[in-house]
Amino acid sequence: MRLALHAEWTKMRTVAGPLWLLLGVVASTVALSTVATSVVNCTARGCGGDTTRLTLMGVYPGQALVAILAVRIISGEYRTGMIRATLTAVPRRATAFTAKAITLTGVVAVGGTVAVLGSVLAGRLILPDLGDQDLSLSDGPTLRAVFGTVLYLILIGLLSLGVATAVRDSATGIGVTLGLLYIVPVISQSISDPDGQRLLQKIAPLSAGLTIQATTDLPSLPISPWAGLSVTAGWATAALLIGGLLLHIRDA
């Protein structure tokens, strides 16, 4: 496993694409969060909503770049034929796949932490002093939202890796993943039945997972924050299991 991890890390850091995508995650996340907090109308009584969730809004575009990064990690090898060299160097396919997942987790964890903390810092600098409502990592719900958002980005990366391994094509992998993230919530909003809408919000990886960012009015949520993140974890686990199984049984 150590040699497989070293090989994956070497491939990750010696190719320009992953670095630029990771920088894009940070830049887009912080940029949108900054814009969102700069236009909100705050008074001495507050900003009329969940300020923590507002400052983390940049995750919506940032997660798309995480998905693209994860897809390219393996689909690029299928496109160039390098996957054969990878599996020749590491004959145990489960080990090679696990090494990719671990490397991706570490990279996204670092980039996601920088992006999320940058967004919170931007919010603290832009929003007025709100006393008890002020953004602070010493506040339990805010810390949970920040930590959970980083975990969410990691899970989106693993979900994308599993999908890309299963379909073995960059465009298809990106399309499937982004469809799950962005199209399903749109469909849920178009449903007139409140129960059906609420059900989709509970099972969609984006709408369920991002409840982890909520710090106010929790009883009104379709699913609790940690339960919602568990739904996203379930999607990621299923994608990894399917992708890993297909990697094992199919020819490279």
Protein backbone atom coordinates (compact mmCIF):
# COMPACT_ATOMS: atom_id res chain seq x y z
CA MET A 1 0.00 0.00 0.00
CA ARG A 2 2.83 2.41 0.81
CA LEU A 3 4.28 2.12 -2.71
CA ALA A 4 0.83 2.51 -4.26
CA LEU A 5 0.18 5.66 -2.22
CA HIS A 6 3.56 7.06 -3.20
CA ALA A 7 2.82 6.40 -6.87
CA GLU A 8 -0.59 8.09 -6.69
CA TRP A 9 0.80 11.09 -4.86
CA THR A 10 3.59 11.39 -7.43
CA LYS A 11 1.07 11.36 -10.26
CA MET A 12 -1.08 13.91 -8.46
CA ARG A 13 1.67 16.45 -7.77
CA THR A 14 3.57 16.16 -11.05
CA VAL A 15 0.58 16.96 -13.28
CA ALA A 16 -0.62 20.57 -13.49
CA GLY A 17 -4.34 19.80 -13.82
CA PRO A 18 -5.05 18.69 -10.22
CA LEU A 19 -3.25 21.68 -8.73
CA TRP A 20 -5.18 24.17 -10.87
CA LEU A 21 -8.48 22.46 -10.08
CA LEU A 22 -7.67 22.53 -6.37
CA LEU A 23 -6.83 26.22 -6.56
CA GLY A 24 -10.09 26.69 -8.46
CA VAL A 25 -11.99 25.01 -5.63
CA VAL A 26 -10.51 27.46 -3.12
CA ALA A 27 -10.95 30.53 -5.33
CA SER A 28 -14.53 29.81 -6.42
CA THR A 29 -15.68 28.83 -2.94
CA VAL A 30 -14.24 31.90 -1.25
CA ALA A 31 -15.30 34.22 -4.09
CA LEU A 32 -18.98 33.25 -4.08
CA SER A 33 -19.09 33.23 -0.29
CA THR A 34 -17.62 36.73 -0.27
CA VAL A 35 -20.19 37.98 -2.79
CA ALA A 36 -23.05 36.36 -0.87
CA THR A 37 -22.06 37.93 2.44
CA SER A 38 -21.34 41.33 0.90
CA VAL A 39 -24.89 41.77 -0.43
CA VAL A 40 -26.80 40.64 2.66
CA ASN A 41 -28.64 43.31 4.60
CA CYS A 42 -27.74 43.13 8.29
CA THR A 43 -29.08 45.07 11.26
CA ALA A 44 -28.26 45.05 14.96
CA ARG A 45 -30.74 42.19 15.34
CA GLY A 46 -29.01 40.01 12.79
CA CYS A 47 -28.90 39.28 9.08
CA GLY A 48 -32.33 37.71 8.76
CA GLY A 49 -31.09 34.16 8.27
CA ASP A 50 -28.40 31.58 8.92
CA THR A 51 -25.18 33.58 8.57
CA THR A 52 -22.96 30.49 8.84
CA ARG A 53 -24.74 28.79 5.98
CA LEU A 54 -24.60 32.02 4.01
CA THR A 55 -20.82 32.26 4.34
CA LEU A 56 -20.45 28.66 3.14
CA MET A 57 -22.56 29.16 0.00
CA GLY A 58 -19.43 29.04 -2.16
CA VAL A 59 -19.37 25.28 -1.74
CA TYR A 60 -22.06 25.03 -4.44
CA PRO A 61 -19.68 25.84 -7.32
CA GLY A 62 -16.62 24.55 -5.48
CA GLN A 63 -17.95 21.01 -5.30
CA ALA A 64 -18.20 20.86 -9.10
CA LEU A 65 -14.45 21.34 -9.38
CA VAL A 66 -13.90 18.69 -6.71
CA ALA A 67 -15.99 16.32 -8.81
CA ILE A 68 -14.01 17.12 -11.96
CA LEU A 69 -10.73 16.60 -10.10
CA ALA A 70 -11.86 13.22 -8.80
CA VAL A 71 -13.15 12.06 -12.18
CA ARG A 72 -9.93 13.01 -13.96
CA ILE A 73 -7.80 11.06 -11.49
CA ILE A 74 -8.91 7.77 -13.02
CA SER A 75 -10.69 8.59 -16.28
CA GLY A 76 -7.54 10.28 -17.54
CA GLU A 77 -5.66 7.01 -17.09
CA TYR A 78 -8.31 5.14 -19.06
CA ARG A 79 -8.13 7.74 -21.81
CA THR A 80 -4.35 7.53 -22.17
CA GLY A 81 -4.05 3.82 -21.45
CA MET A 82 -1.93 4.50 -18.38
CA ILE A 83 -4.34 2.42 -16.31
CA ARG A 84 -2.61 -0.69 -17.67
CA ALA A 85 0.73 0.52 -16.33
CA THR A 86 -0.88 1.34 -13.00
CA LEU A 87 -2.42 -2.11 -12.66
CA THR A 88 0.79 -3.77 -13.80
CA ALA A 89 2.75 -1.92 -11.11
CA VAL A 90 0.05 -2.66 -8.51
CA PRO A 91 -1.54 -6.00 -9.54
CA ARG A 92 -3.97 -5.99 -6.63
CA ARG A 93 -6.65 -3.74 -8.04
CA ALA A 94 -8.30 -3.14 -4.68
CA THR A 95 -5.01 -1.74 -3.40
CA ALA A 96 -4.59 0.54 -6.41
CA PHE A 97 -8.17 1.81 -6.10
CA THR A 98 -7.84 2.34 -2.35
CA ALA A 99 -4.62 4.28 -2.88
CA LYS A 100 -6.40 6.60 -5.32
CA ALA A 101 -9.24 7.13 -2.85
CA ILE A 102 -6.88 7.88 0.05
CA THR A 103 -4.78 10.29 -2.02
CA LEU A 104 -7.91 12.06 -3.24
CA THR A 105 -9.23 12.29 0.32
CA GLY A 106 -6.03 13.94 1.53
CA VAL A 107 -5.88 16.43 -1.32
CA VAL A 108 -9.54 17.43 -1.06
CA ALA A 109 -9.28 17.65 2.73
CA VAL A 110 -6.47 20.19 2.45
CA GLY A 111 -8.09 22.22 -0.34
CA GLY A 112 -11.53 22.02 1.25
CA THR A 113 -10.23 23.17 4.62
CA VAL A 114 -8.51 26.19 3.07
CA ALA A 115 -11.64 27.03 1.06
CA VAL A 116 -14.05 26.69 3.97
CA LEU A 117 -11.90 28.57 6.48
CA GLY A 118 -11.29 31.28 3.87
CA SER A 119 -15.03 31.63 3.40
CA VAL A 120 -15.64 31.94 7.14
CA LEU A 121 -12.83 34.48 7.46
CA ALA A 122 -14.34 36.52 4.62
CA GLY A 123 -17.69 36.41 6.38
CA ARG A 124 -16.18 37.61 9.65
CA LEU A 125 -14.49 40.51 7.88
CA ILE A 126 -17.55 41.57 5.88
CA LEU A 127 -20.45 41.01 8.24
CA PRO A 128 -20.93 43.40 11.16
CA ASP A 129 -20.34 42.40 14.76
CA LEU A 130 -23.48 40.44 15.65
CA GLY A 131 -22.59 39.53 19.21
CA ASP A 132 -23.91 36.03 19.96
CA GLN A 133 -24.63 35.52 16.24
CA ASP A 134 -21.06 36.37 15.23
CA LEU A 135 -19.18 33.72 13.26
CA SER A 136 -16.84 31.86 15.59
CA LEU A 137 -15.30 28.38 15.48
CA SER A 138 -15.74 28.24 19.24
CA ASP A 139 -19.48 28.06 18.61
CA GLY A 140 -20.59 24.43 18.43
CA PRO A 141 -23.03 24.67 15.49
CA THR A 142 -20.60 26.81 13.49
CA LEU A 143 -17.73 24.38 14.10
CA ARG A 144 -19.99 21.50 13.08
CA ALA A 145 -20.96 23.33 9.89
CA VAL A 146 -17.33 24.08 8.99
CA PHE A 147 -16.01 20.60 9.76
CA GLY A 148 -19.02 18.95 8.13
CA THR A 149 -18.63 21.00 4.96
CA VAL A 150 -15.05 19.77 4.55
CA LEU A 151 -16.28 16.20 5.04
CA TYR A 152 -19.01 16.85 2.47
CA LEU A 153 -16.45 17.92 -0.13
CA ILE A 154 -14.41 14.79 0.57
CA LEU A 155 -17.52 12.63 0.12
CA ILE A 156 -18.35 14.36 -3.17
CA GLY A 157 -14.82 13.57 -4.35
CA LEU A 158 -15.17 9.90 -3.42
CA LEU A 159 -18.62 9.71 -5.03
CA SER A 160 -17.15 11.14 -8.23
CA LEU A 161 -14.21 8.73 -8.13
CA GLY A 162 -16.57 5.78 -7.83
CA VAL A 163 -18.77 6.98 -10.70
CA ALA A 164 -15.76 7.66 -12.94
CA THR A 165 -14.31 4.21 -12.24
CA ALA A 166 -17.62 2.63 -13.19
CA VAL A 167 -18.15 4.55 -16.46
CA ARG A 168 -14.44 4.97 -17.43
CA ASP A 169 -15.09 8.18 -19.37
CA SER A 170 -14.46 11.77 -18.25
CA ALA A 171 -17.46 13.40 -19.89
CA THR A 172 -19.88 10.70 -18.74
CA GLY A 173 -18.45 10.62 -15.23
CA ILE A 174 -18.66 14.38 -14.85
CA GLY A 175 -22.15 14.47 -16.36
CA VAL A 176 -23.51 11.75 -14.06
CA THR A 177 -21.99 13.27 -10.94
CA LEU A 178 -23.05 16.84 -11.66
CA GLY A 179 -26.50 15.60 -12.62
CA LEU A 180 -26.86 13.92 -9.22
CA LEU A 181 -25.67 17.07 -7.48
CA TYR A 182 -27.50 19.81 -9.34
CA ILE A 183 -30.39 18.35 -11.33
CA VAL A 184 -32.04 16.26 -8.60
CA PRO A 185 -32.59 19.33 -6.33
CA VAL A 186 -34.14 21.18 -9.28
CA ILE A 187 -36.49 18.26 -9.89
CA SER A 188 -37.47 18.23 -6.21
CA GLN A 189 -38.42 21.91 -6.41
CA SER A 190 -40.65 21.25 -9.41
CA ILE A 191 -42.70 18.61 -7.59
CA SER A 192 -46.01 19.94 -6.35
CA ASP A 193 -46.50 17.23 -3.72
CA PRO A 194 -44.83 18.48 -0.47
CA ASP A 195 -44.21 14.92 0.75
CA GLY A 196 -42.53 13.90 -2.50
CA GLN A 197 -40.47 17.09 -2.50
CA ARG A 198 -39.36 16.49 1.07
CA LEU A 199 -38.45 12.87 0.28
CA LEU A 200 -36.19 13.91 -2.61
CA GLN A 201 -34.55 16.49 -0.38
CA LYS A 202 -33.82 13.74 2.13
CA ILE A 203 -32.20 11.36 -0.35
CA ALA A 204 -30.40 13.67 -2.80
CA PRO A 205 -26.66 13.86 -2.06
CA LEU A 206 -26.50 17.66 -2.28
CA SER A 207 -29.65 18.76 -0.47
CA ALA A 208 -29.24 16.13 2.25
CA GLY A 209 -25.51 16.57 2.68
CA LEU A 210 -25.49 20.35 2.87
CA THR A 211 -27.93 20.37 5.79
CA ILE A 212 -24.69 19.95 7.76
CA GLN A 213 -24.21 23.71 7.21
CA ALA A 214 -27.43 24.69 8.98
CA THR A 215 -27.08 26.28 12.41
CA THR A 216 -30.54 27.77 12.91
CA ASP A 217 -34.15 26.57 12.63
CA LEU A 218 -33.06 22.92 12.58
CA PRO A 219 -36.57 21.45 13.26
CA SER A 220 -37.77 22.79 9.87
CA LEU A 221 -35.11 20.88 7.92
CA PRO A 222 -36.21 17.81 5.93
CA ILE A 223 -33.40 15.84 7.62
CA SER A 224 -31.04 16.54 10.51
CA PRO A 225 -27.49 17.75 9.71
CA TRP A 226 -25.51 14.60 10.56
CA ALA A 227 -28.18 12.31 9.13
CA GLY A 228 -28.06 14.34 5.91
CA LEU A 229 -24.30 14.01 5.70
CA SER A 230 -24.73 10.26 6.25
CA VAL A 231 -26.95 10.15 3.16
CA THR A 232 -24.13 11.66 1.09
CA ALA A 233 -21.74 9.16 2.68
CA GLY A 234 -24.09 6.38 1.60
CA TRP A 235 -24.02 7.63 -2.01
CA ALA A 236 -20.21 7.80 -1.91
CA THR A 237 -19.92 4.32 -0.41
CA ALA A 238 -22.25 2.82 -3.00
CA ALA A 239 -20.36 4.50 -5.86
CA LEU A 240 -17.00 3.28 -4.54
CA LEU A 241 -18.27 -0.28 -4.09
CA ILE A 242 -19.73 -0.40 -7.61
CA GLY A 243 -16.67 1.25 -9.15
CA GLY A 244 -14.29 -1.01 -7.24
CA LEU A 245 -16.23 -4.13 -8.20
CA LEU A 246 -16.27 -3.21 -11.89
CA LEU A 247 -12.56 -2.37 -11.77
CA HIS A 248 -11.93 -5.84 -10.33
CA ILE A 249 -13.99 -7.86 -12.81
CA ARG A 250 -13.42 -5.93 -16.07
CA ASP A 251 -10.37 -5.88 -18.30
CA ALA A 252 -8.33 -2.68 -18.15
